[in-house]
């Protein structure tokens, strides 16, 4: 898979997680982290990647993966409540 496709897949996963976090009323810090990562990934996937942007891409991927890990942990710790 190309680097661009990997970034697009990660961007989709982060956006979906952001939507779920908003719906679950996750803490604002977690929502902010997901939103920041989603915005940066969106911008990066829309631009032509150059050598100068590699550190930005690397840091953004790290930030996105950290935000996703925090979301998955929060979701595990706060399962949805059953409704009748």
PDB file of N, CA and C in Angstrom:
ATOM      1  N   UNK A   1       0.861  -1.171   0.000  1.00  0.00           N
ATOM      2  CA  UNK A   1       0.000   0.000   0.000  1.00  0.00           C
ATOM      3  C   UNK A   1       0.906   1.232   0.000  1.00  0.00           C
ATOM      4  N   UNK A   2       0.541   2.227  -0.787  1.00  0.00           N
ATOM      5  CA  UNK A   2       1.350   3.439  -0.866  1.00  0.00           C
ATOM      6  C   UNK A   2       1.203   4.272   0.402  1.00  0.00           C
ATOM      7  N   UNK A   3       2.177   5.133   0.646  1.00  0.00           N
ATOM      8  CA  UNK A   3       2.155   5.993   1.831  1.00  0.00           C
ATOM      9  C   UNK A   3       0.907   6.882   1.804  1.00  0.00           C
ATOM     10  N   UNK A   4       0.551   7.389   0.624  1.00  0.00           N
ATOM     11  CA  UNK A   4      -0.624   8.246   0.504  1.00  0.00           C
ATOM     12  C   UNK A   4      -1.897   7.481   0.872  1.00  0.00           C
ATOM     13  N   UNK A   5      -2.011   6.245   0.442  1.00  0.00           N
ATOM     14  CA  UNK A   5      -3.181   5.430   0.784  1.00  0.00           C
ATOM     15  C   UNK A   5      -3.214   5.134   2.282  1.00  0.00           C
ATOM     16  N   UNK A   6      -2.067   4.875   2.877  1.00  0.00           N
ATOM     17  CA  UNK A   6      -2.005   4.638   4.316  1.00  0.00           C
ATOM     18  C   UNK A   6      -2.491   5.870   5.080  1.00  0.00           C
ATOM     19  N   UNK A   7      -2.071   7.052   4.616  1.00  0.00           N
ATOM     20  CA  UNK A   7      -2.505   8.289   5.264  1.00  0.00           C
ATOM     21  C   UNK A   7      -4.007   8.489   5.115  1.00  0.00           C
ATOM     22  N   UNK A   8      -4.541   8.192   3.956  1.00  0.00           N
ATOM     23  CA  UNK A   8      -5.988   8.341   3.736  1.00  0.00           C
ATOM     24  C   UNK A   8      -6.770   7.373   4.624  1.00  0.00           C
ATOM     25  N   UNK A   9      -6.275   6.152   4.766  1.00  0.00           N
ATOM     26  CA  UNK A   9      -6.933   5.167   5.632  1.00  0.00           C
ATOM     27  C   UNK A   9      -6.903   5.636   7.088  1.00  0.00           C
ATOM     28  N   UNK A  10      -5.741   6.124   7.524  1.00  0.00           N
ATOM     29  CA  UNK A  10      -5.611   6.634   8.886  1.00  0.00           C
ATOM     30  C   UNK A  10      -6.541   7.828   9.101  1.00  0.00           C
ATOM     31  N   UNK A  11      -6.630   8.700   8.101  1.00  0.00           N
ATOM     32  CA  UNK A  11      -7.518   9.870   8.203  1.00  0.00           C
ATOM     33  C   UNK A  11      -8.970   9.434   8.366  1.00  0.00           C
ATOM     34  N   UNK A  12      -9.403   8.431   7.625  1.00  0.00           N
ATOM     35  CA  UNK A  12     -10.772   7.917   7.747  1.00  0.00           C
ATOM     36  C   UNK A  12     -11.024   7.336   9.134  1.00  0.00           C
ATOM     37  N   UNK A  13     -10.051   6.582   9.633  1.00  0.00           N
ATOM     38  CA  UNK A  13     -10.194   5.974  10.953  1.00  0.00           C
ATOM     39  C   UNK A  13     -10.289   7.045  12.043  1.00  0.00           C
ATOM     40  N   UNK A  14      -9.477   8.083  11.917  1.00  0.00           N
ATOM     41  CA  UNK A  14      -9.496   9.158  12.908  1.00  0.00           C
ATOM     42  C   UNK A  14     -10.815   9.924  12.828  1.00  0.00           C
ATOM     43  N   UNK A  15     -11.292  10.215  11.624  1.00  0.00           N
ATOM     44  CA  UNK A  15     -12.570  10.934  11.477  1.00  0.00           C
ATOM     45  C   UNK A  15     -13.732  10.126  12.065  1.00  0.00           C
ATOM     46  N   UNK A  16     -13.747   8.846  11.796  1.00  0.00           N
ATOM     47  CA  UNK A  16     -14.799   7.991  12.347  1.00  0.00           C
ATOM     48  C   UNK A  16     -14.722   7.974  13.870  1.00  0.00           C
ATOM     49  N   UNK A  17     -13.520   7.854  14.398  1.00  0.00           N
ATOM     50  CA  UNK A  17     -13.343   7.860  15.851  1.00  0.00           C
ATOM     51  C   UNK A  17     -13.770   9.192  16.449  1.00  0.00           C
ATOM     52  N   UNK A  18     -13.485  10.281  15.763  1.00  0.00           N
ATOM     53  CA  UNK A  18     -13.911  11.599  16.228  1.00  0.00           C
ATOM     54  C   UNK A  18     -15.429  11.679  16.307  1.00  0.00           C
ATOM     55  N   UNK A  19     -16.105  11.215  15.275  1.00  0.00           N
ATOM     56  CA  UNK A  19     -17.572  11.223  15.276  1.00  0.00           C
ATOM     57  C   UNK A  19     -18.120  10.379  16.432  1.00  0.00           C
ATOM     58  N   UNK A  20     -17.538   9.209  16.641  1.00  0.00           N
ATOM     59  CA  UNK A  20     -17.989   8.344  17.728  1.00  0.00           C
ATOM     60  C   UNK A  20     -17.705   8.975  19.089  1.00  0.00           C
ATOM     61  N   UNK A  21     -16.557   9.625  19.222  1.00  0.00           N
ATOM     62  CA  UNK A  21     -16.208  10.285  20.478  1.00  0.00           C
ATOM     63  C   UNK A  21     -17.174  11.423  20.778  1.00  0.00           C
ATOM     64  N   UNK A  22     -17.546  12.167  19.762  1.00  0.00           N
ATOM     65  CA  UNK A  22     -18.524  13.243  19.954  1.00  0.00           C
ATOM     66  C   UNK A  22     -19.868  12.678  20.398  1.00  0.00           C
ATOM     67  N   UNK A  23     -20.298  11.609  19.745  1.00  0.00           N
ATOM     68  CA  UNK A  23     -21.585  11.000  20.083  1.00  0.00           C
ATOM     69  C   UNK A  23     -21.565  10.392  21.484  1.00  0.00           C
ATOM     70  N   UNK A  24     -20.408   9.909  21.909  1.00  0.00           N
ATOM     71  CA  UNK A  24     -20.286   9.275  23.232  1.00  0.00           C
ATOM     72  C   UNK A  24     -20.030  10.290  24.343  1.00  0.00           C
ATOM     73  N   UNK A  25     -19.958  11.567  23.957  1.00  0.00           N
ATOM     74  CA  UNK A  25     -19.659  12.630  24.930  1.00  0.00           C
ATOM     75  C   UNK A  25     -18.340  12.371  25.656  1.00  0.00           C
ATOM     76  N   UNK A  26     -17.334  12.003  24.871  1.00  0.00           N
ATOM     77  CA  UNK A  26     -15.994  11.774  25.408  1.00  0.00           C
ATOM     78  C   UNK A  26     -15.425  13.099  25.923  1.00  0.00           C
ATOM     79  N   UNK A  27     -14.437  13.048  26.788  1.00  0.00           N
ATOM     80  CA  UNK A  27     -13.844  14.275  27.326  1.00  0.00           C
ATOM     81  C   UNK A  27     -13.333  15.196  26.209  1.00  0.00           C
ATOM     82  N   UNK A  28     -13.433  16.488  26.447  1.00  0.00           N
ATOM     83  CA  UNK A  28     -13.066  17.464  25.406  1.00  0.00           C
ATOM     84  C   UNK A  28     -11.603  17.349  24.997  1.00  0.00           C
ATOM     85  N   UNK A  29     -10.715  16.998  25.923  1.00  0.00           N
ATOM     86  CA  UNK A  29      -9.307  16.839  25.572  1.00  0.00           C
ATOM     87  C   UNK A  29      -9.132  15.732  24.536  1.00  0.00           C
ATOM     88  N   UNK A  30      -9.838  14.636  24.708  1.00  0.00           N
ATOM     89  CA  UNK A  30      -9.766  13.527  23.768  1.00  0.00           C
ATOM     90  C   UNK A  30     -10.354  13.924  22.422  1.00  0.00           C
ATOM     91  N   UNK A  31     -11.487  14.596  22.443  1.00  0.00           N
ATOM     92  CA  UNK A  31     -12.108  15.072  21.197  1.00  0.00           C
ATOM     93  C   UNK A  31     -11.167  16.040  20.482  1.00  0.00           C
ATOM     94  N   UNK A  32     -10.550  16.944  21.230  1.00  0.00           N
ATOM     95  CA  UNK A  32      -9.613  17.901  20.636  1.00  0.00           C
ATOM     96  C   UNK A  32      -8.431  17.202  19.978  1.00  0.00           C
ATOM     97  N   UNK A  33      -7.914  16.179  20.634  1.00  0.00           N
ATOM     98  CA  UNK A  33      -6.778  15.441  20.063  1.00  0.00           C
ATOM     99  C   UNK A  33      -7.166  14.754  18.755  1.00  0.00           C
ATOM    100  N   UNK A  34      -8.343  14.144  18.746  1.00  0.00           N
ATOM    101  CA  UNK A  34      -8.817  13.494  17.518  1.00  0.00           C
ATOM    102  C   UNK A  34      -9.083  14.527  16.423  1.00  0.00           C
ATOM    103  N   UNK A  35      -9.673  15.651  16.793  1.00  0.00           N
ATOM    104  CA  UNK A  35      -9.985  16.695  15.817  1.00  0.00           C
ATOM    105  C   UNK A  35      -8.715  17.288  15.210  1.00  0.00           C
ATOM    106  N   UNK A  36      -7.714  17.514  16.043  1.00  0.00           N
ATOM    107  CA  UNK A  36      -6.444  18.041  15.546  1.00  0.00           C
ATOM    108  C   UNK A  36      -5.801  17.073  14.565  1.00  0.00           C
ATOM    109  N   UNK A  37      -5.760  15.810  14.946  1.00  0.00           N
ATOM    110  CA  UNK A  37      -5.176  14.799  14.063  1.00  0.00           C
ATOM    111  C   UNK A  37      -5.967  14.689  12.768  1.00  0.00           C
ATOM    112  N   UNK A  38      -7.291  14.731  12.856  1.00  0.00           N
ATOM    113  CA  UNK A  38      -8.132  14.632  11.649  1.00  0.00           C
ATOM    114  C   UNK A  38      -7.874  15.804  10.713  1.00  0.00           C
ATOM    115  N   UNK A  39      -7.799  16.995  11.271  1.00  0.00           N
ATOM    116  CA  UNK A  39      -7.551  18.176  10.444  1.00  0.00           C
ATOM    117  C   UNK A  39      -6.199  18.147   9.770  1.00  0.00           C
ATOM    118  N   UNK A  40      -5.174  17.781  10.514  1.00  0.00           N
ATOM    119  CA  UNK A  40      -3.841  17.706   9.933  1.00  0.00           C
ATOM    120  C   UNK A  40      -3.757  16.621   8.860  1.00  0.00           C
ATOM    121  N   UNK A  41      -4.329  15.463   9.141  1.00  0.00           N
ATOM    122  CA  UNK A  41      -4.313  14.393   8.139  1.00  0.00           C
ATOM    123  C   UNK A  41      -5.068  14.799   6.884  1.00  0.00           C
ATOM    124  N   UNK A  42      -6.179  15.481   7.062  1.00  0.00           N
ATOM    125  CA  UNK A  42      -6.952  15.962   5.917  1.00  0.00           C
ATOM    126  C   UNK A  42      -6.110  16.895   5.058  1.00  0.00           C
ATOM    127  N   UNK A  43      -5.427  17.828   5.696  1.00  0.00           N
ATOM    128  CA  UNK A  43      -4.595  18.774   4.959  1.00  0.00           C
ATOM    129  C   UNK A  43      -3.428  18.080   4.268  1.00  0.00           C
ATOM    130  N   UNK A  44      -2.802  17.145   4.974  1.00  0.00           N
ATOM    131  CA  UNK A  44      -1.647  16.444   4.404  1.00  0.00           C
ATOM    132  C   UNK A  44      -2.052  15.591   3.206  1.00  0.00           C
ATOM    133  N   UNK A  45      -3.178  14.914   3.290  1.00  0.00           N
ATOM    134  CA  UNK A  45      -3.590  14.051   2.176  1.00  0.00           C
ATOM    135  C   UNK A  45      -4.034  14.861   0.969  1.00  0.00           C
ATOM    136  N   UNK A  46      -4.395  16.133   1.193  1.00  0.00           N
ATOM    137  CA  UNK A  46      -4.801  16.988   0.080  1.00  0.00           C
ATOM    138  C   UNK A  46      -3.632  17.674  -0.617  1.00  0.00           C
ATOM    139  N   UNK A  47      -2.471  17.713   0.014  1.00  0.00           N
ATOM    140  CA  UNK A  47      -1.333  18.403  -0.584  1.00  0.00           C
ATOM    141  C   UNK A  47      -0.335  17.414  -1.151  1.00  0.00           C
ATOM    142  N   UNK A  48       0.502  17.917  -2.027  1.00  0.00           N
ATOM    143  CA  UNK A  48       1.564  17.080  -2.579  1.00  0.00           C
ATOM    144  C   UNK A  48       2.660  16.964  -1.532  1.00  0.00           C
ATOM    145  N   UNK A  49       3.032  15.751  -1.214  1.00  0.00           N
ATOM    146  CA  UNK A  49       4.060  15.540  -0.199  1.00  0.00           C
ATOM    147  C   UNK A  49       5.438  15.804  -0.784  1.00  0.00           C
ATOM    148  N   UNK A  50       6.222  16.596  -0.068  1.00  0.00           N
ATOM    149  CA  UNK A  50       7.590  16.896  -0.474  1.00  0.00           C
ATOM    150  C   UNK A  50       8.514  16.481   0.653  1.00  0.00           C
ATOM    151  N   UNK A  51       9.798  16.413   0.367  1.00  0.00           N
ATOM    152  CA  UNK A  51      10.768  16.023   1.384  1.00  0.00           C
ATOM    153  C   UNK A  51      10.693  16.914   2.616  1.00  0.00           C
ATOM    154  N   UNK A  52      10.424  18.201   2.428  1.00  0.00           N
ATOM    155  CA  UNK A  52      10.378  19.142   3.547  1.00  0.00           C
ATOM    156  C   UNK A  52       9.230  18.835   4.496  1.00  0.00           C
ATOM    157  N   UNK A  53       8.205  18.169   4.018  1.00  0.00           N
ATOM    158  CA  UNK A  53       7.031  17.904   4.851  1.00  0.00           C
ATOM    159  C   UNK A  53       7.123  16.583   5.599  1.00  0.00           C
ATOM    160  N   UNK A  54       8.164  15.797   5.384  1.00  0.00           N
ATOM    161  CA  UNK A  54       8.268  14.479   6.009  1.00  0.00           C
ATOM    162  C   UNK A  54       8.209  14.556   7.535  1.00  0.00           C
ATOM    163  N   UNK A  55       8.913  15.486   8.201  1.00  0.00           N
ATOM    164  CA  UNK A  55       8.777  15.551   9.662  1.00  0.00           C
ATOM    165  C   UNK A  55       7.346  15.856  10.098  1.00  0.00           C
ATOM    166  N   UNK A  56       6.648  16.707   9.363  1.00  0.00           N
ATOM    167  CA  UNK A  56       5.250  17.013   9.681  1.00  0.00           C
ATOM    168  C   UNK A  56       4.390  15.766   9.536  1.00  0.00           C
ATOM    169  N   UNK A  57       4.594  15.027   8.488  1.00  0.00           N
ATOM    170  CA  UNK A  57       3.820  13.810   8.254  1.00  0.00           C
ATOM    171  C   UNK A  57       4.097  12.799   9.363  1.00  0.00           C
ATOM    172  N   UNK A  58       5.362  12.609   9.694  1.00  0.00           N
ATOM    173  CA  UNK A  58       5.739  11.661  10.742  1.00  0.00           C
ATOM    174  C   UNK A  58       5.101  12.046  12.073  1.00  0.00           C
ATOM    175  N   UNK A  59       5.185  13.310  12.443  1.00  0.00           N
ATOM    176  CA  UNK A  59       4.616  13.771  13.710  1.00  0.00           C
ATOM    177  C   UNK A  59       3.097  13.656  13.701  1.00  0.00           C
ATOM    178  N   UNK A  60       2.478  13.937  12.569  1.00  0.00           N
ATOM    179  CA  UNK A  60       1.021  13.847  12.469  1.00  0.00           C
ATOM    180  C   UNK A  60       0.554  12.401  12.609  1.00  0.00           C
ATOM    181  N   UNK A  61       1.256  11.475  11.999  1.00  0.00           N
ATOM    182  CA  UNK A  61       0.915  10.056  12.125  1.00  0.00           C
ATOM    183  C   UNK A  61       1.065   9.616  13.578  1.00  0.00           C
ATOM    184  N   UNK A  62       2.139  10.037  14.228  1.00  0.00           N
ATOM    185  CA  UNK A  62       2.322   9.714  15.649  1.00  0.00           C
ATOM    186  C   UNK A  62       1.174  10.287  16.476  1.00  0.00           C
ATOM    187  N   UNK A  63       0.842  11.549  16.222  1.00  0.00           N
ATOM    188  CA  UNK A  63      -0.245  12.207  16.958  1.00  0.00           C
ATOM    189  C   UNK A  63      -1.566  11.473  16.735  1.00  0.00           C
ATOM    190  N   UNK A  64      -1.833  11.079  15.495  1.00  0.00           N
ATOM    191  CA  UNK A  64      -3.077  10.373  15.174  1.00  0.00           C
ATOM    192  C   UNK A  64      -3.130   9.029  15.889  1.00  0.00           C
ATOM    193  N   UNK A  65      -2.029   8.295  15.867  1.00  0.00           N
ATOM    194  CA  UNK A  65      -2.004   6.981  16.524  1.00  0.00           C
ATOM    195  C   UNK A  65      -2.157   7.111  18.038  1.00  0.00           C
ATOM    196  N   UNK A  66      -1.576   8.138  18.631  1.00  0.00           N
ATOM    197  CA  UNK A  66      -1.730   8.368  20.063  1.00  0.00           C
ATOM    198  C   UNK A  66      -3.180   8.726  20.400  1.00  0.00           C
ATOM    199  N   UNK A  67      -3.788   9.561  19.582  1.00  0.00           N
ATOM    200  CA  UNK A  67      -5.186   9.947  19.814  1.00  0.00           C
ATOM    201  C   UNK A  67      -6.111   8.742  19.665  1.00  0.00           C
ATOM    202  N   UNK A  68      -5.847   7.906  18.658  1.00  0.00           N
ATOM    203  CA  UNK A  68      -6.657   6.700  18.478  1.00  0.00           C
ATOM    204  C   UNK A  68      -6.500   5.751  19.658  1.00  0.00           C
ATOM    205  N   UNK A  69      -5.275   5.580  20.133  1.00  0.00           N
ATOM    206  CA  UNK A  69      -5.044   4.697  21.286  1.00  0.00           C
ATOM    207  C   UNK A  69      -5.791   5.218  22.511  1.00  0.00           C
ATOM    208  N   UNK A  70      -5.775   6.530  22.705  1.00  0.00           N
ATOM    209  CA  UNK A  70      -6.493   7.121  23.835  1.00  0.00           C
ATOM    210  C   UNK A  70      -7.998   6.923  23.678  1.00  0.00           C
ATOM    211  N   UNK A  71      -8.508   7.067  22.467  1.00  0.00           N
ATOM    212  CA  UNK A  71      -9.929   6.869  22.212  1.00  0.00           C
ATOM    213  C   UNK A  71     -10.333   5.416  22.483  1.00  0.00           C
ATOM    214  N   UNK A  72      -9.546   4.479  21.949  1.00  0.00           N
ATOM    215  CA  UNK A  72      -9.877   3.063  22.151  1.00  0.00           C
ATOM    216  C   UNK A  72      -9.844   2.699  23.632  1.00  0.00           C
ATOM    217  N   UNK A  73      -8.893   3.259  24.373  1.00  0.00           N
ATOM    218  CA  UNK A  73      -8.824   2.985  25.807  1.00  0.00           C
ATOM    219  C   UNK A  73     -10.033   3.593  26.524  1.00  0.00           C
ATOM    220  N   UNK A  74     -10.387   4.823  26.168  1.00  0.00           N
ATOM    221  CA  UNK A  74     -11.537   5.472  26.804  1.00  0.00           C
ATOM    222  C   UNK A  74     -12.812   4.676  26.517  1.00  0.00           C
ATOM    223  N   UNK A  75     -12.953   4.247  25.261  1.00  0.00           N
ATOM    224  CA  UNK A  75     -14.139   3.475  24.876  1.00  0.00           C
ATOM    225  C   UNK A  75     -14.205   2.150  25.637  1.00  0.00           C
ATOM    226  N   UNK A  76     -13.066   1.515  25.863  1.00  0.00           N
ATOM    227  CA  UNK A  76     -13.023   0.281  26.637  1.00  0.00           C
ATOM    228  C   UNK A  76     -13.418   0.541  28.087  1.00  0.00           C
ATOM    229  N   UNK A  77     -12.938   1.656  28.627  1.00  0.00           N
ATOM    230  CA  UNK A  77     -13.230   2.004  30.023  1.00  0.00           C
ATOM    231  C   UNK A  77     -14.636   2.537  30.224  1.00  0.00           C
ATOM    232  N   UNK A  78     -15.286   2.992  29.155  1.00  0.00           N
ATOM    233  CA  UNK A  78     -16.621   3.571  29.240  1.00  0.00           C
ATOM    234  C   UNK A  78     -17.539   2.941  28.184  1.00  0.00           C
ATOM    235  N   UNK A  79     -17.894   1.674  28.378  1.00  0.00           N
ATOM    236  CA  UNK A  79     -18.768   1.016  27.388  1.00  0.00           C
ATOM    237  C   UNK A  79     -20.121   1.707  27.329  1.00  0.00           C
ATOM    238  N   UNK A  80     -20.773   1.673  26.163  1.00  0.00           N
ATOM    239  CA  UNK A  80     -22.093   2.282  26.057  1.00  0.00           C
ATOM    240  C   UNK A  80     -23.085   1.608  27.005  1.00  0.00           C
ATOM    241  N   UNK A  81     -23.970   2.425  27.538  1.00  0.00           N
ATOM    242  CA  UNK A  81     -24.998   1.882  28.438  1.00  0.00           C
ATOM    243  C   UNK A  81     -26.154   1.340  27.593  1.00  0.00           C
ATOM    244  N   UNK A  82     -26.656   0.200  28.011  1.00  0.00           N
ATOM    245  CA  UNK A  82     -27.790  -0.413  27.308  1.00  0.00           C
ATOM    246  C   UNK A  82     -29.039   0.441  27.535  1.00  0.00           C
ATOM    247  N   UNK A  83     -29.820   0.570  26.476  1.00  0.00           N
ATOM    248  CA  UNK A  83     -31.094   1.298  26.595  1.00  0.00           C
ATOM    249  C   UNK A  83     -32.238   0.321  26.381  1.00  0.00           C
ATOM    250  N   UNK A  84     -33.308   0.588  27.061  1.00  0.00           N
ATOM    251  CA  UNK A  84     -34.466  -0.309  26.959  1.00  0.00           C
ATOM    252  C   UNK A  84     -35.461   0.207  25.953  1.00  0.00           C
TER     253      UNK A  84
END
